[in-house]
Each structure stands twice: as C-alpha cells, then as structure tokens.
Amino acid sequence: MNWDLFLGPAPLRPFNSLRFAYNWHWFWDTGNGDMGNQGVHEMDVARWGLGLPNSHVGLKSVSGTGGKFQYDDDQETPNTQTCTFDYGDRQLVFETRGLITGGEGGLQTRGGNTIGNLFYGVDGWMAVDGNGYTIYKGEKHEVVKEVKRAAGQSETGAHMNNFLAAVKSRNYKSLNAEIEIGAAAADLCHFGNIAYRAGRSLAWDNAKKEFSNAPDANKLMTREYRKPYVVPSKV
C-alpha cells in the first residue's frame, strides 16, 4: 500500500515536467523518497516479522541519517538513508541505498536492486524477499528451511483481486490485511523521514501520538494545507 500522496498537494509553483512521472517521489511536497516508495512494502514485512502492534505501543525513539550523494540534480529526498526504530526489546533498522550496491544475505538482485528483509535472532537468522525465504541456524549458518517461488510466480495479482473484491462487496472483513496494517507501516516511513529531516534522534510519546519536546519534528507530521485540498483532523 503506497501512501505517498497522504499529505495532500503542495503550494502552486511554475510547471516543471521533471517533477512528474516517476520523479514526483523525490520531492517532499509530493513524495517521501524510496523510504515511502518501495520501502513501505518492506516496512510492512518487517513489522509483520517482528510482531509489532499497529498502535506503535513500545516504540521508544526514531533516528534517521543519510543524504543525497553523487547525483547533481533537483532531488530533495535522500538516495541513501538509514533509520533505526528502538522498541527496547527489539530493533528495526531500515536502509535505503540509491547507489550501486551488491546483494546481502543471499537476497536476489533484480533489475539492479536488492529488496528484502533480514531477521536476526539468538539461534539464527532469516532472509526473505519476493522470491521466498531461507532460514539459517547457528554460527555455521546451516540451512534448516528454504521456500522459493517458481520463476514468474507472484502473489500481487491475488492481493489486487482480494482488494477489488472487498471494494465491490463493501465487506472490509474479507481483506487479507486491514487498512490499519498498511497505515502503521506508512507511519514508520514518515517517522523515519521526519527524524532524518530533523537531524537528530526523536523520542516517541505514544500516549500523545507525538515526538517528545520536538515541536519542529511534530510540525512535519502534517502541513499547512491549500484550500480546498484539506485533510481533516479526523478521517
């Protein structure tokens, strides 16, 4: 689920064709970089694997570092970014590399990109991506289970059909995943970007649903809307 346009339209500016097509992802007024582009899908898997609640209970702090390296263009969002979400008893580290990079953890490189999740535990670790997953045990990295999809096999179509069927029936209970699950993944992408833009680690107050003593960061949780394109406080 992609929530890139969640924050609404930007103030009027002269037309620039370079801000359209796929490039809208790289400007803060219309997108949120790869963190919220492909990243939101992987964040969803990361949250699922860690068993994190949709309410963000347990989240203590968020930090984000990175920058736009090498390319000399108008892109505003970082092409290299690392965000850390501290839950006390577990930690989620999300990394975006917009430069040429090798694979990691045995994840397959597709179209020049490596996309997936690595889960680390006491007794072993797991690599998972769109092709399946592999579980390794112990310091010898013994493969104890491996599940791979057949070439060309994908579940994207099935998910789309499930969503469209729910739209037609108006029965949200038939969805494979509740919308709150996607919203929670999108939240963390926004949190990571906010910490990156604030330039420091931010403490999260889950009771107040805001960052503690960080008015500059909390301002980035929304924006001053241009009427009539206003998102109400309660949707």
Protein backbone atom coordinates (compact mmCIF):
# COMPACT_ATOMS: atom_id res chain seq x y z
CA MET A 1 0.00 0.00 0.00
CA ASN A 2 1.51 3.31 -1.08
CA TRP A 3 0.68 6.42 0.96
CA ASP A 4 3.00 8.81 -0.88
CA LEU A 5 0.29 11.43 -1.51
CA PHE A 6 -1.06 11.21 2.05
CA LEU A 7 -0.15 14.78 2.94
CA GLY A 8 -2.03 16.46 0.11
CA PRO A 9 -0.99 18.91 -2.61
CA ALA A 10 1.81 21.45 -2.47
CA PRO A 11 1.56 25.24 -2.90
CA LEU A 12 1.32 26.36 -6.53
CA ARG A 13 4.57 26.67 -8.46
CA PRO A 14 5.55 27.01 -12.14
CA PHE A 15 5.07 23.81 -14.13
CA ASN A 16 8.15 21.60 -14.34
CA SER A 17 7.88 18.36 -16.32
CA LEU A 18 10.78 16.85 -14.35
CA ARG A 19 8.57 16.72 -11.23
CA PHE A 20 6.07 14.41 -12.90
CA ALA A 21 6.04 10.77 -14.00
CA TYR A 22 8.11 8.76 -11.51
CA ASN A 23 10.13 11.74 -10.31
CA TRP A 24 7.39 13.02 -8.01
CA HIS A 25 8.68 10.52 -5.44
CA TRP A 26 11.84 12.60 -4.92
CA PHE A 27 10.26 15.86 -3.72
CA TRP A 28 8.97 16.43 -0.20
CA ASP A 29 5.76 18.16 -1.25
CA THR A 30 4.51 15.18 -3.29
CA GLY A 31 6.58 12.17 -2.20
CA ASN A 32 8.75 10.73 0.52
CA GLY A 33 11.70 9.14 -1.27
CA ASP A 34 12.34 5.44 -1.54
CA MET A 35 11.68 5.15 2.19
CA GLY A 36 7.98 5.54 1.45
CA ASN A 37 8.00 4.26 -2.14
CA GLN A 38 9.19 0.65 -2.30
CA GLY A 39 10.20 0.96 1.33
CA VAL A 40 6.66 0.95 2.73
CA HIS A 41 6.11 -2.57 1.35
CA GLU A 42 9.27 -3.87 3.01
CA MET A 43 8.44 -1.99 6.21
CA ASP A 44 5.15 -3.89 6.25
CA VAL A 45 7.04 -7.21 6.11
CA ALA A 46 9.50 -6.04 8.79
CA ARG A 47 6.66 -5.07 11.16
CA TRP A 48 4.90 -8.37 10.48
CA GLY A 49 8.05 -10.40 11.20
CA LEU A 50 8.76 -8.53 14.45
CA GLY A 51 5.16 -8.78 15.64
CA LEU A 52 4.82 -5.02 16.11
CA PRO A 53 1.40 -3.60 17.08
CA ASN A 54 -0.38 -1.19 14.75
CA SER A 55 -0.74 1.30 17.62
CA HIS A 56 3.07 1.78 17.91
CA VAL A 57 2.98 0.72 21.56
CA GLY A 58 6.55 0.10 22.68
CA LEU A 59 8.21 2.46 20.22
CA LYS A 60 10.75 4.49 22.18
CA SER A 61 12.68 6.50 19.63
CA VAL A 62 13.38 7.02 15.94
CA SER A 63 16.59 8.19 14.30
CA GLY A 64 17.49 8.78 10.67
CA THR A 65 20.70 9.62 8.83
CA GLY A 66 21.76 9.79 5.21
CA GLY A 67 21.83 12.21 2.32
CA LYS A 68 21.74 12.66 -1.43
CA PHE A 69 25.11 11.55 -2.74
CA GLN A 70 26.79 11.64 -6.14
CA TYR A 71 23.91 12.88 -8.29
CA ASP A 72 23.74 16.58 -9.13
CA ASP A 73 20.04 17.19 -9.70
CA ASP A 74 16.95 18.69 -8.07
CA GLN A 75 16.02 15.65 -5.96
CA GLU A 76 15.20 16.67 -2.37
CA THR A 77 14.76 13.29 -0.68
CA PRO A 78 17.85 11.26 0.28
CA ASN A 79 19.07 8.49 -2.01
CA THR A 80 20.97 6.89 0.86
CA GLN A 81 19.23 6.59 4.21
CA THR A 82 19.38 4.53 7.41
CA CYS A 83 16.62 4.75 10.02
CA THR A 84 16.51 2.99 13.38
CA PHE A 85 13.35 2.31 15.38
CA ASP A 86 14.02 1.38 19.02
CA TYR A 87 11.41 -0.80 20.74
CA GLY A 88 13.54 -1.69 23.75
CA ASP A 89 13.34 -5.48 23.41
CA ARG A 90 13.77 -5.37 19.64
CA GLN A 91 15.12 -3.01 17.00
CA LEU A 92 14.15 -2.32 13.41
CA VAL A 93 16.83 -0.90 11.11
CA PHE A 94 15.70 0.22 7.68
CA GLU A 95 18.23 1.01 4.98
CA THR A 96 17.83 2.56 1.54
CA ARG A 97 20.75 2.58 -0.87
CA GLY A 98 20.17 4.61 -4.02
CA LEU A 99 23.63 3.87 -5.36
CA ILE A 100 25.11 0.79 -7.00
CA THR A 101 25.43 -1.89 -4.32
CA GLY A 102 25.88 -5.61 -4.03
CA GLY A 103 23.41 -8.10 -2.66
CA GLU A 104 23.14 -9.01 1.00
CA GLY A 105 22.09 -12.08 2.95
CA GLY A 106 21.62 -14.09 -0.22
CA LEU A 107 18.75 -11.86 -1.37
CA GLN A 108 18.38 -11.89 -5.14
CA THR A 109 19.34 -8.83 -7.15
CA ARG A 110 16.53 -7.90 -9.51
CA GLY A 111 16.80 -5.11 -12.06
CA GLY A 112 19.98 -3.89 -10.37
CA ASN A 113 18.25 -3.68 -6.97
CA THR A 114 18.27 -5.87 -3.88
CA ILE A 115 14.99 -5.69 -1.98
CA GLY A 116 14.07 -7.72 1.09
CA ASN A 117 14.25 -8.24 4.84
CA LEU A 118 16.80 -9.87 7.14
CA PHE A 119 15.66 -11.07 10.57
CA TYR A 120 18.27 -11.81 13.25
CA GLY A 121 17.65 -13.89 16.38
CA VAL A 122 19.58 -15.71 19.09
CA ASP A 123 19.71 -19.07 17.31
CA GLY A 124 19.84 -17.98 13.69
CA TRP A 125 18.57 -15.61 11.05
CA MET A 126 16.23 -15.46 8.05
CA ALA A 127 16.36 -13.78 4.65
CA VAL A 128 13.02 -13.09 2.96
CA ASP A 129 12.05 -11.32 -0.26
CA GLY A 130 9.50 -11.60 -3.06
CA ASN A 131 11.01 -14.92 -4.17
CA GLY A 132 10.61 -16.72 -0.82
CA TYR A 133 12.71 -17.18 2.30
CA THR A 134 15.67 -19.07 3.75
CA ILE A 135 16.25 -19.82 7.45
CA TYR A 136 19.80 -20.29 8.74
CA LYS A 137 20.71 -21.79 12.13
CA GLY A 138 23.77 -21.35 14.32
CA GLU A 139 27.21 -19.94 13.62
CA LYS A 140 27.69 -22.40 10.76
CA HIS A 141 24.66 -20.87 9.01
CA GLU A 142 23.08 -24.25 8.42
CA VAL A 143 20.08 -24.02 6.09
CA VAL A 144 17.18 -25.54 8.03
CA LYS A 145 14.35 -24.40 5.76
CA GLU A 146 14.06 -22.85 2.34
CA VAL A 147 10.93 -21.93 0.40
CA LYS A 148 11.22 -20.42 -3.08
CA ARG A 149 8.55 -19.43 -5.57
CA ALA A 150 8.62 -20.78 -9.08
CA ALA A 151 10.00 -18.45 -11.75
CA GLY A 152 7.42 -15.86 -12.74
CA GLN A 153 5.12 -16.72 -9.84
CA SER A 154 3.72 -13.73 -7.93
CA GLU A 155 1.02 -13.05 -5.37
CA THR A 156 0.49 -9.44 -6.46
CA GLY A 157 -2.46 -10.30 -8.67
CA ALA A 158 -4.14 -12.26 -5.89
CA HIS A 159 -3.77 -9.33 -3.48
CA MET A 160 -5.21 -6.90 -6.03
CA ASN A 161 -8.17 -9.21 -6.68
CA ASN A 162 -8.80 -9.50 -2.93
CA PHE A 163 -8.81 -5.71 -2.56
CA LEU A 164 -11.11 -5.14 -5.53
CA ALA A 165 -13.50 -7.84 -4.32
CA ALA A 166 -13.70 -6.12 -0.92
CA VAL A 167 -14.39 -2.78 -2.60
CA LYS A 168 -17.24 -4.32 -4.58
CA SER A 169 -18.73 -6.17 -1.61
CA ARG A 170 -18.10 -3.33 0.89
CA ASN A 171 -17.02 -6.08 3.30
CA TYR A 172 -13.72 -4.97 4.85
CA LYS A 173 -13.54 -8.22 6.83
CA SER A 174 -12.78 -10.08 3.60
CA LEU A 175 -9.49 -8.21 3.17
CA ASN A 176 -6.30 -10.20 3.59
CA ALA A 177 -4.94 -7.30 5.64
CA GLU A 178 -6.77 -4.50 7.44
CA ILE A 179 -6.02 -0.95 6.29
CA GLU A 180 -4.59 -0.17 9.76
CA ILE A 181 -1.73 -2.55 8.99
CA GLY A 182 -0.71 -0.60 5.90
CA ALA A 183 -1.20 2.69 7.72
CA ALA A 184 1.12 1.56 10.53
CA ALA A 185 3.86 0.70 8.01
CA ALA A 186 3.38 4.10 6.34
CA ASP A 187 3.60 5.78 9.76
CA LEU A 188 7.07 4.37 10.37
CA CYS A 189 8.24 5.53 6.93
CA HIS A 190 7.05 9.03 7.75
CA PHE A 191 8.64 8.84 11.23
CA GLY A 192 11.98 7.86 9.70
CA ASN A 193 11.85 10.72 7.22
CA ILE A 194 10.91 13.18 9.96
CA ALA A 195 13.88 12.10 12.09
CA TYR A 196 16.13 12.44 9.04
CA ARG A 197 14.85 15.95 8.32
CA ALA A 198 15.04 16.96 11.98
CA GLY A 199 18.67 15.81 12.06
CA ARG A 200 18.52 14.02 15.41
CA SER A 201 17.07 11.10 17.33
CA LEU A 202 13.46 11.68 18.36
CA ALA A 203 11.73 10.23 21.42
CA TRP A 204 8.20 8.98 20.72
CA ASP A 205 5.34 9.61 23.15
CA ASN A 206 2.73 7.02 22.19
CA ALA A 207 0.12 8.36 24.62
CA LYS A 208 0.18 11.78 22.94
CA LYS A 209 0.98 10.39 19.46
CA GLU A 210 3.82 12.86 19.02
CA PHE A 211 7.57 13.28 19.46
CA SER A 212 8.56 14.44 22.95
CA ASN A 213 9.76 18.05 23.19
CA ALA A 214 10.23 18.32 19.43
CA PRO A 215 7.85 20.94 18.03
CA ASP A 216 9.87 21.22 14.81
CA ALA A 217 9.53 17.47 14.21
CA ASN A 218 5.84 17.41 15.13
CA LYS A 219 5.16 20.13 12.56
CA LEU A 220 6.32 17.67 9.91
CA MET A 221 3.54 15.26 10.94
CA THR A 222 1.20 17.38 8.83
CA ARG A 223 1.32 20.61 6.81
CA GLU A 224 -0.48 23.87 6.13
CA TYR A 225 -2.99 22.84 3.51
CA ARG A 226 -4.05 24.81 0.45
CA LYS A 227 -7.84 25.10 0.42
CA PRO A 228 -9.96 23.36 -0.67
CA TYR A 229 -7.45 20.47 -0.57
CA VAL A 230 -7.58 19.99 3.19
CA VAL A 231 -7.29 16.69 5.05
CA PRO A 232 -9.49 16.90 8.17
CA SER A 233 -8.03 16.16 11.59
CA LYS A 234 -10.25 13.09 11.83
CA VAL A 235 -10.66 10.93 8.74
